[in-house]
Amino acid sequence: FEFVYNYLYLANLRANWDEVKQQAEKAPQPEARRYVLPLSIDKADTGKNLVTLAYTTATATLRSDETIWLEPEVIFSGPRHAFEFPQINYRKYGGKPYTYTYGLGLNHFVPDRLCKLNVKTKETWVWQEPDAYPSEPIFVSHPDALEEDDG
């Protein structure tokens, strides 16, 4: 508990870097996952995958007790390569299908990169510079943007 809330203080990082890395190695591996929630359900589909989207491997299976079992698709994962605080172009794509999300990349719990992720193809782009520690990304669209990721 104490580690999670205090590790990013610069003084703690400088004084206890080896301890920070050691503790970070024990942490669960974060992933970005896609769950698909079916909005229309027919009892005749019991036992079947209710997800019909072609671009995902996520599943939603209707069980005989009328519950739905969800299995996610992992869209971003890697050893010590987290994707946190995901953001999209909310102004234009909030509540609508989108392709790109942006996140803060962490290495051993230290935010040291910005990531762009194509949620359909899983292609990623990374911005990182030595001794640079970005914060949560916020998408700002170009005023005359024609594409979703023009910003």
N, C-alpha and C. Protein backbone atom coordinates (compact mmCIF):
# COMPACT_ATOMS: atom_id res chain seq x y z
N PHE A 1 0.83 -1.19 0.00
CA PHE A 1 0.00 0.00 0.00
C PHE A 1 0.87 1.26 0.00
N GLU A 2 1.82 1.30 0.92
CA GLU A 2 2.68 2.47 1.06
C GLU A 2 3.48 2.71 -0.22
N PHE A 3 3.98 1.63 -0.81
CA PHE A 3 4.79 1.75 -2.03
C PHE A 3 3.99 2.37 -3.17
N VAL A 4 2.78 1.90 -3.36
CA VAL A 4 1.96 2.35 -4.49
C VAL A 4 1.71 3.84 -4.43
N TYR A 5 1.47 4.39 -3.26
CA TYR A 5 1.13 5.80 -3.14
C TYR A 5 2.33 6.74 -3.03
N ASN A 6 3.50 6.21 -2.78
CA ASN A 6 4.64 7.09 -2.54
C ASN A 6 5.80 6.91 -3.52
N TYR A 7 5.73 5.96 -4.42
CA TYR A 7 6.90 5.65 -5.24
C TYR A 7 7.28 6.76 -6.20
N LEU A 8 6.36 7.60 -6.63
CA LEU A 8 6.69 8.60 -7.65
C LEU A 8 7.24 9.91 -7.10
N TYR A 9 7.32 10.07 -5.81
CA TYR A 9 7.98 11.28 -5.29
C TYR A 9 9.43 11.23 -5.75
N LEU A 10 9.88 12.30 -6.38
CA LEU A 10 11.23 12.34 -6.94
C LEU A 10 12.29 11.99 -5.90
N ALA A 11 12.14 12.48 -4.70
CA ALA A 11 13.10 12.17 -3.64
C ALA A 11 13.15 10.67 -3.37
N ASN A 12 11.99 10.01 -3.37
CA ASN A 12 11.96 8.56 -3.15
C ASN A 12 12.61 7.80 -4.30
N LEU A 13 12.35 8.26 -5.52
CA LEU A 13 12.98 7.61 -6.67
C LEU A 13 14.49 7.72 -6.61
N ARG A 14 14.97 8.89 -6.27
CA ARG A 14 16.42 9.10 -6.22
C ARG A 14 17.05 8.31 -5.07
N ALA A 15 16.42 8.30 -3.93
CA ALA A 15 17.01 7.66 -2.76
C ALA A 15 16.85 6.15 -2.77
N ASN A 16 15.79 5.66 -3.37
CA ASN A 16 15.46 4.23 -3.25
C ASN A 16 15.25 3.55 -4.60
N TRP A 17 15.96 3.95 -5.63
CA TRP A 17 15.70 3.44 -6.97
C TRP A 17 15.77 1.93 -7.04
N ASP A 18 16.77 1.32 -6.41
CA ASP A 18 16.88 -0.14 -6.46
C ASP A 18 15.69 -0.80 -5.78
N GLU A 19 15.23 -0.23 -4.68
CA GLU A 19 14.06 -0.77 -4.00
C GLU A 19 12.80 -0.59 -4.85
N VAL A 20 12.67 0.56 -5.49
CA VAL A 20 11.52 0.81 -6.37
C VAL A 20 11.47 -0.24 -7.47
N LYS A 21 12.60 -0.48 -8.12
CA LYS A 21 12.63 -1.49 -9.20
C LYS A 21 12.30 -2.87 -8.67
N GLN A 22 12.82 -3.20 -7.50
CA GLN A 22 12.56 -4.51 -6.91
C GLN A 22 11.07 -4.69 -6.61
N GLN A 23 10.44 -3.67 -6.04
CA GLN A 23 9.01 -3.74 -5.75
C GLN A 23 8.18 -3.79 -7.04
N ALA A 24 8.61 -3.04 -8.05
CA ALA A 24 7.88 -3.00 -9.31
C ALA A 24 7.89 -4.35 -10.00
N GLU A 25 8.96 -5.10 -9.86
CA GLU A 25 9.04 -6.43 -10.46
C GLU A 25 7.96 -7.37 -9.92
N LYS A 26 7.50 -7.13 -8.71
CA LYS A 26 6.50 -7.99 -8.07
C LYS A 26 5.07 -7.63 -8.47
N ALA A 27 4.90 -6.48 -9.06
CA ALA A 27 3.55 -6.00 -9.38
C ALA A 27 2.94 -6.78 -10.54
N PRO A 28 1.63 -6.87 -10.59
CA PRO A 28 0.97 -7.54 -11.72
C PRO A 28 1.27 -6.81 -13.02
N GLN A 29 1.30 -7.57 -14.11
CA GLN A 29 1.56 -7.00 -15.43
C GLN A 29 0.28 -6.34 -15.95
N PRO A 30 0.30 -5.03 -16.16
CA PRO A 30 -0.90 -4.37 -16.67
C PRO A 30 -1.12 -4.66 -18.15
N GLU A 31 -2.37 -4.67 -18.54
CA GLU A 31 -2.74 -4.90 -19.94
C GLU A 31 -3.89 -3.98 -20.30
N ALA A 32 -3.98 -3.64 -21.57
CA ALA A 32 -5.18 -2.98 -22.09
C ALA A 32 -6.02 -4.08 -22.72
N ARG A 33 -7.26 -4.19 -22.28
CA ARG A 33 -8.14 -5.26 -22.76
C ARG A 33 -9.42 -4.67 -23.34
N ARG A 34 -9.96 -5.38 -24.32
CA ARG A 34 -11.25 -5.00 -24.90
C ARG A 34 -12.28 -6.05 -24.49
N TYR A 35 -13.35 -5.57 -23.87
CA TYR A 35 -14.51 -6.40 -23.58
C TYR A 35 -15.63 -5.93 -24.49
N VAL A 36 -16.42 -6.86 -24.98
CA VAL A 36 -17.55 -6.51 -25.82
C VAL A 36 -18.82 -6.95 -25.10
N LEU A 37 -19.70 -5.98 -24.86
CA LEU A 37 -20.95 -6.24 -24.16
C LEU A 37 -22.09 -6.32 -25.16
N PRO A 38 -22.73 -7.47 -25.28
CA PRO A 38 -23.86 -7.57 -26.21
C PRO A 38 -25.07 -6.80 -25.68
N LEU A 39 -25.72 -6.07 -26.55
CA LEU A 39 -26.87 -5.27 -26.14
C LEU A 39 -28.20 -5.95 -26.43
N SER A 40 -28.19 -6.91 -27.33
CA SER A 40 -29.40 -7.63 -27.67
C SER A 40 -29.15 -9.12 -27.48
N ILE A 41 -30.00 -9.75 -26.67
CA ILE A 41 -29.78 -11.15 -26.32
C ILE A 41 -31.05 -11.96 -26.60
N ASP A 42 -30.86 -13.10 -27.27
CA ASP A 42 -31.95 -14.03 -27.55
C ASP A 42 -31.64 -15.33 -26.83
N LYS A 43 -32.59 -15.82 -26.01
CA LYS A 43 -32.34 -17.04 -25.24
C LYS A 43 -31.99 -18.23 -26.13
N ALA A 44 -32.35 -18.17 -27.39
CA ALA A 44 -32.03 -19.26 -28.32
C ALA A 44 -30.52 -19.33 -28.58
N ASP A 45 -29.79 -18.27 -28.22
CA ASP A 45 -28.34 -18.23 -28.46
C ASP A 45 -27.53 -18.77 -27.29
N THR A 46 -28.15 -19.48 -26.36
CA THR A 46 -27.45 -20.04 -25.21
C THR A 46 -26.29 -20.91 -25.69
N GLY A 47 -25.11 -20.65 -25.09
CA GLY A 47 -23.92 -21.41 -25.44
C GLY A 47 -23.14 -20.86 -26.61
N LYS A 48 -23.67 -19.85 -27.27
CA LYS A 48 -23.01 -19.28 -28.44
C LYS A 48 -22.30 -17.97 -28.09
N ASN A 49 -21.30 -17.65 -28.91
CA ASN A 49 -20.62 -16.37 -28.76
C ASN A 49 -21.53 -15.29 -29.36
N LEU A 50 -21.88 -14.30 -28.57
CA LEU A 50 -22.80 -13.25 -29.01
C LEU A 50 -22.08 -12.09 -29.72
N VAL A 51 -20.75 -12.12 -29.75
CA VAL A 51 -19.98 -11.05 -30.39
C VAL A 51 -19.86 -11.37 -31.88
N THR A 52 -20.32 -10.43 -32.69
CA THR A 52 -20.27 -10.62 -34.14
C THR A 52 -19.30 -9.66 -34.83
N LEU A 53 -18.59 -8.86 -34.06
CA LEU A 53 -17.64 -7.91 -34.64
C LEU A 53 -16.45 -8.65 -35.24
N ALA A 54 -16.09 -8.30 -36.46
CA ALA A 54 -15.02 -8.99 -37.17
C ALA A 54 -13.64 -8.63 -36.65
N TYR A 55 -13.48 -7.47 -36.03
CA TYR A 55 -12.15 -6.99 -35.67
C TYR A 55 -11.71 -7.35 -34.25
N THR A 56 -12.43 -8.22 -33.56
CA THR A 56 -12.03 -8.57 -32.20
C THR A 56 -12.15 -10.06 -31.93
N THR A 57 -11.32 -10.52 -31.01
CA THR A 57 -11.41 -11.92 -30.56
C THR A 57 -12.12 -12.01 -29.21
N ALA A 58 -12.59 -10.88 -28.69
CA ALA A 58 -13.35 -10.90 -27.43
C ALA A 58 -14.63 -11.70 -27.62
N THR A 59 -15.04 -12.38 -26.56
CA THR A 59 -16.26 -13.19 -26.65
C THR A 59 -17.21 -12.86 -25.51
N ALA A 60 -18.48 -13.13 -25.75
CA ALA A 60 -19.53 -13.01 -24.75
C ALA A 60 -20.45 -14.21 -24.97
N THR A 61 -20.48 -15.10 -24.01
CA THR A 61 -21.24 -16.34 -24.17
C THR A 61 -22.40 -16.37 -23.19
N LEU A 62 -23.59 -16.59 -23.73
CA LEU A 62 -24.79 -16.70 -22.91
C LEU A 62 -24.84 -18.09 -22.29
N ARG A 63 -24.97 -18.13 -20.97
CA ARG A 63 -25.02 -19.40 -20.25
C ARG A 63 -26.46 -19.80 -19.97
N SER A 64 -26.63 -21.05 -19.61
CA SER A 64 -27.99 -21.57 -19.37
C SER A 64 -28.68 -20.89 -18.20
N ASP A 65 -27.90 -20.32 -17.25
CA ASP A 65 -28.51 -19.62 -16.13
C ASP A 65 -28.79 -18.14 -16.47
N GLU A 66 -28.70 -17.80 -17.75
CA GLU A 66 -28.98 -16.47 -18.31
C GLU A 66 -27.95 -15.41 -17.93
N THR A 67 -26.78 -15.84 -17.46
CA THR A 67 -25.67 -14.91 -17.26
C THR A 67 -24.83 -14.93 -18.53
N ILE A 68 -24.01 -13.91 -18.66
CA ILE A 68 -23.14 -13.81 -19.83
C ILE A 68 -21.69 -13.84 -19.36
N TRP A 69 -20.91 -14.74 -19.91
CA TRP A 69 -19.50 -14.87 -19.57
C TRP A 69 -18.68 -14.11 -20.61
N LEU A 70 -17.91 -13.11 -20.15
CA LEU A 70 -17.10 -12.28 -21.04
C LEU A 70 -15.64 -12.72 -21.00
N GLU A 71 -15.03 -12.83 -22.15
CA GLU A 71 -13.60 -13.07 -22.27
C GLU A 71 -13.03 -11.91 -23.08
N PRO A 72 -12.02 -11.23 -22.57
CA PRO A 72 -11.49 -10.06 -23.26
C PRO A 72 -10.50 -10.42 -24.36
N GLU A 73 -10.23 -9.43 -25.19
CA GLU A 73 -9.12 -9.50 -26.13
C GLU A 73 -8.05 -8.57 -25.57
N VAL A 74 -6.83 -9.06 -25.45
CA VAL A 74 -5.73 -8.22 -24.99
C VAL A 74 -5.25 -7.41 -26.19
N ILE A 75 -5.31 -6.08 -26.07
CA ILE A 75 -4.90 -5.24 -27.20
C ILE A 75 -3.58 -4.53 -26.97
N PHE A 76 -3.06 -4.59 -25.74
CA PHE A 76 -1.74 -4.01 -25.46
C PHE A 76 -1.17 -4.70 -24.25
N SER A 77 -0.01 -5.30 -24.40
CA SER A 77 0.65 -5.96 -23.29
C SER A 77 2.11 -6.13 -23.63
N GLY A 78 2.90 -6.21 -22.63
CA GLY A 78 4.33 -6.44 -22.84
C GLY A 78 5.04 -6.47 -21.52
N PRO A 79 6.19 -7.12 -21.46
CA PRO A 79 6.91 -7.19 -20.19
C PRO A 79 7.35 -5.80 -19.75
N ARG A 80 6.90 -5.40 -18.55
CA ARG A 80 7.25 -4.11 -17.96
C ARG A 80 6.93 -2.96 -18.91
N HIS A 81 5.84 -3.07 -19.62
CA HIS A 81 5.48 -2.06 -20.62
C HIS A 81 4.00 -1.73 -20.47
N ALA A 82 3.67 -0.89 -19.51
CA ALA A 82 2.28 -0.59 -19.19
C ALA A 82 1.71 0.49 -20.10
N PHE A 83 0.40 0.54 -20.16
CA PHE A 83 -0.35 1.54 -20.93
C PHE A 83 -1.42 2.06 -19.99
N GLU A 84 -1.20 3.24 -19.41
CA GLU A 84 -2.11 3.77 -18.40
C GLU A 84 -2.78 5.06 -18.85
N PHE A 85 -3.88 5.39 -18.22
CA PHE A 85 -4.63 6.62 -18.45
C PHE A 85 -5.01 6.80 -19.92
N PRO A 86 -5.64 5.81 -20.53
CA PRO A 86 -5.96 5.92 -21.97
C PRO A 86 -6.90 7.08 -22.27
N GLN A 87 -6.63 7.75 -23.38
CA GLN A 87 -7.42 8.88 -23.85
C GLN A 87 -7.69 8.70 -25.34
N ILE A 88 -8.81 9.24 -25.80
CA ILE A 88 -9.11 9.25 -27.23
C ILE A 88 -9.43 10.69 -27.64
N ASN A 89 -9.73 10.88 -28.89
CA ASN A 89 -10.19 12.17 -29.39
C ASN A 89 -11.67 12.28 -29.01
N TYR A 90 -11.92 12.61 -27.72
CA TYR A 90 -13.28 12.60 -27.18
C TYR A 90 -14.20 13.59 -27.87
N ARG A 91 -13.69 14.72 -28.24
CA ARG A 91 -14.55 15.75 -28.83
C ARG A 91 -15.26 15.20 -30.08
N LYS A 92 -14.54 14.44 -30.88
CA LYS A 92 -15.12 13.96 -32.14
C LYS A 92 -15.59 12.50 -32.06
N TYR A 93 -14.98 11.69 -31.16
CA TYR A 93 -15.27 10.26 -31.16
C TYR A 93 -15.82 9.72 -29.84
N GLY A 94 -16.13 10.58 -28.89
CA GLY A 94 -16.72 10.12 -27.63
C GLY A 94 -18.05 9.42 -27.90
N GLY A 95 -18.19 8.19 -27.46
CA GLY A 95 -19.42 7.42 -27.66
C GLY A 95 -19.58 6.86 -29.06
N LYS A 96 -18.54 6.97 -29.89
CA LYS A 96 -18.59 6.48 -31.27
C LYS A 96 -17.41 5.55 -31.51
N PRO A 97 -17.47 4.75 -32.57
CA PRO A 97 -16.31 3.91 -32.89
C PRO A 97 -15.07 4.77 -33.15
N TYR A 98 -13.95 4.35 -32.62
CA TYR A 98 -12.69 5.06 -32.81
C TYR A 98 -11.57 4.06 -33.09
N THR A 99 -10.46 4.57 -33.56
CA THR A 99 -9.33 3.71 -33.92
C THR A 99 -8.14 3.92 -33.00
N TYR A 100 -7.90 5.15 -32.55
CA TYR A 100 -6.68 5.45 -31.81
C TYR A 100 -6.95 5.82 -30.36
N THR A 101 -6.08 5.34 -29.50
CA THR A 101 -6.07 5.76 -28.11
C THR A 101 -4.62 6.09 -27.73
N TYR A 102 -4.48 6.98 -26.77
CA TYR A 102 -3.17 7.44 -26.34
C TYR A 102 -3.03 7.13 -24.86
N GLY A 103 -1.84 6.74 -24.44
CA GLY A 103 -1.65 6.40 -23.04
C GLY A 103 -0.26 6.76 -22.55
N LEU A 104 -0.14 6.74 -21.25
CA LEU A 104 1.14 6.98 -20.60
C LEU A 104 1.83 5.64 -20.44
N GLY A 105 3.03 5.53 -20.97
CA GLY A 105 3.80 4.30 -20.85
C GLY A 105 4.66 4.32 -19.60
N LEU A 106 4.73 3.20 -18.92
CA LEU A 106 5.53 3.11 -17.70
C LEU A 106 6.51 1.96 -17.80
N ASN A 107 7.69 2.19 -17.27
CA ASN A 107 8.71 1.16 -17.17
C ASN A 107 9.09 1.08 -15.70
N HIS A 108 8.84 -0.05 -15.06
CA HIS A 108 9.08 -0.18 -13.62
C HIS A 108 8.33 0.89 -12.84
N PHE A 109 7.12 1.17 -13.20
CA PHE A 109 6.25 2.14 -12.54
C PHE A 109 6.66 3.59 -12.77
N VAL A 110 7.65 3.84 -13.58
CA VAL A 110 8.08 5.21 -13.84
C VAL A 110 7.53 5.64 -15.19
N PRO A 111 6.69 6.68 -15.25
CA PRO A 111 6.16 7.13 -16.53
C PRO A 111 7.26 7.77 -17.36
N ASP A 112 7.65 7.09 -18.44
CA ASP A 112 8.79 7.58 -19.22
C ASP A 112 8.52 7.64 -20.71
N ARG A 113 7.25 7.48 -21.14
CA ARG A 113 6.94 7.53 -22.57
C ARG A 113 5.46 7.79 -22.78
N LEU A 114 5.14 8.24 -23.99
CA LEU A 114 3.75 8.35 -24.43
C LEU A 114 3.55 7.33 -25.54
N CYS A 115 2.40 6.69 -25.53
CA CYS A 115 2.11 5.64 -26.51
C CYS A 115 0.83 5.97 -27.27
N LYS A 116 0.84 5.62 -28.53
CA LYS A 116 -0.35 5.73 -29.37
C LYS A 116 -0.66 4.31 -29.82
N LEU A 117 -1.91 3.90 -29.68
CA LEU A 117 -2.31 2.53 -29.98
C LEU A 117 -3.48 2.51 -30.96
N ASN A 118 -3.32 1.75 -32.04
CA ASN A 118 -4.42 1.49 -32.96
C ASN A 118 -5.17 0.31 -32.36
N VAL A 119 -6.38 0.54 -31.85
CA VAL A 119 -7.12 -0.51 -31.14
C VAL A 119 -7.66 -1.59 -32.07
N LYS A 120 -7.60 -1.36 -33.37
CA LYS A 120 -8.07 -2.37 -34.32
C LYS A 120 -6.94 -3.28 -34.80
N THR A 121 -5.78 -2.69 -35.07
CA THR A 121 -4.66 -3.49 -35.59
C THR A 121 -3.63 -3.83 -34.52
N LYS A 122 -3.71 -3.17 -33.35
CA LYS A 122 -2.79 -3.31 -32.23
C LYS A 122 -1.41 -2.72 -32.52
N GLU A 123 -1.27 -1.96 -33.59
CA GLU A 123 -0.01 -1.30 -33.88
C GLU A 123 0.20 -0.19 -32.86
N THR A 124 1.45 -0.02 -32.40
CA THR A 124 1.75 1.02 -31.42
C THR A 124 2.89 1.91 -31.91
N TRP A 125 2.84 3.15 -31.46
CA TRP A 125 3.90 4.13 -31.69
C TRP A 125 4.28 4.66 -30.32
N VAL A 126 5.57 4.92 -30.12
CA VAL A 126 6.05 5.37 -28.82
C VAL A 126 6.90 6.63 -28.98
N TRP A 127 6.65 7.61 -28.12
CA TRP A 127 7.52 8.78 -28.01
C TRP A 127 8.23 8.67 -26.68
N GLN A 128 9.55 8.76 -26.73
CA GLN A 128 10.34 8.67 -25.51
C GLN A 128 11.66 9.40 -25.72
N GLU A 129 12.10 10.14 -24.72
CA GLU A 129 13.38 10.82 -24.76
C GLU A 129 14.08 10.62 -23.43
N PRO A 130 15.41 10.61 -23.44
CA PRO A 130 16.15 10.43 -22.18
C PRO A 130 15.79 11.53 -21.17
N ASP A 131 15.64 11.12 -19.93
CA ASP A 131 15.36 12.04 -18.83
C ASP A 131 14.08 12.85 -19.02
N ALA A 132 13.13 12.33 -19.78
CA ALA A 132 11.83 12.96 -19.96
C ALA A 132 10.78 12.08 -19.28
N TYR A 133 9.90 12.70 -18.50
CA TYR A 133 8.89 11.97 -17.74
C TYR A 133 7.53 12.64 -17.95
N PRO A 134 6.82 12.23 -19.01
CA PRO A 134 5.54 12.87 -19.33
C PRO A 134 4.46 12.51 -18.32
N SER A 135 3.36 13.25 -18.40
CA SER A 135 2.21 12.96 -17.57
C SER A 135 1.09 12.42 -18.45
N GLU A 136 -0.08 12.27 -17.88
CA GLU A 136 -1.24 11.73 -18.60
C GLU A 136 -1.47 12.49 -19.91
N PRO A 137 -1.61 11.77 -21.02
CA PRO A 137 -1.83 12.46 -22.30
C PRO A 137 -3.25 13.00 -22.41
N ILE A 138 -3.37 14.13 -23.05
CA ILE A 138 -4.66 14.74 -23.37
C ILE A 138 -4.64 15.02 -24.86
N PHE A 139 -5.61 14.50 -25.60
CA PHE A 139 -5.63 14.71 -27.04
C PHE A 139 -6.19 16.09 -27.36
N VAL A 140 -5.46 16.86 -28.14
CA VAL A 140 -5.89 18.17 -28.61
C VAL A 140 -5.91 18.12 -30.13
N SER A 141 -7.08 18.19 -30.70
CA SER A 141 -7.25 18.08 -32.15
C SER A 141 -6.74 19.32 -32.87
N HIS A 142 -6.18 19.10 -34.05
CA HIS A 142 -5.81 20.22 -34.92
C HIS A 142 -7.11 20.90 -35.33
N PRO A 143 -7.15 22.24 -35.39
CA PRO A 143 -8.42 22.94 -35.71
C PRO A 143 -9.04 22.51 -37.04
N ASP A 144 -8.23 22.17 -38.02
CA ASP A 144 -8.75 21.77 -39.32
C ASP A 144 -8.57 20.28 -39.57
N ALA A 145 -8.59 19.49 -38.53
CA ALA A 145 -8.32 18.05 -38.64
C ALA A 145 -9.32 17.36 -39.56
N LEU A 146 -8.79 16.49 -40.41
CA LEU A 146 -9.61 15.65 -41.27
C LEU A 146 -9.57 14.19 -40.81
N GLU A 147 -8.51 13.83 -40.10
CA GLU A 147 -8.35 12.45 -39.62
C GLU A 147 -8.51 12.41 -38.11
N GLU A 148 -8.89 11.26 -37.61
CA GLU A 148 -9.11 11.07 -36.17
C GLU A 148 -7.88 11.42 -35.34
N ASP A 149 -6.70 11.06 -35.82
CA ASP A 149 -5.48 11.25 -35.03
C ASP A 149 -4.69 12.50 -35.41
N ASP A 150 -5.33 13.43 -36.09
CA ASP A 150 -4.65 14.67 -36.48
C ASP A 150 -4.72 15.66 -35.33
N GLY A 151 -3.68 15.62 -34.52
CA GLY A 151 -3.66 16.51 -33.36
C GLY A 151 -2.40 16.35 -32.58
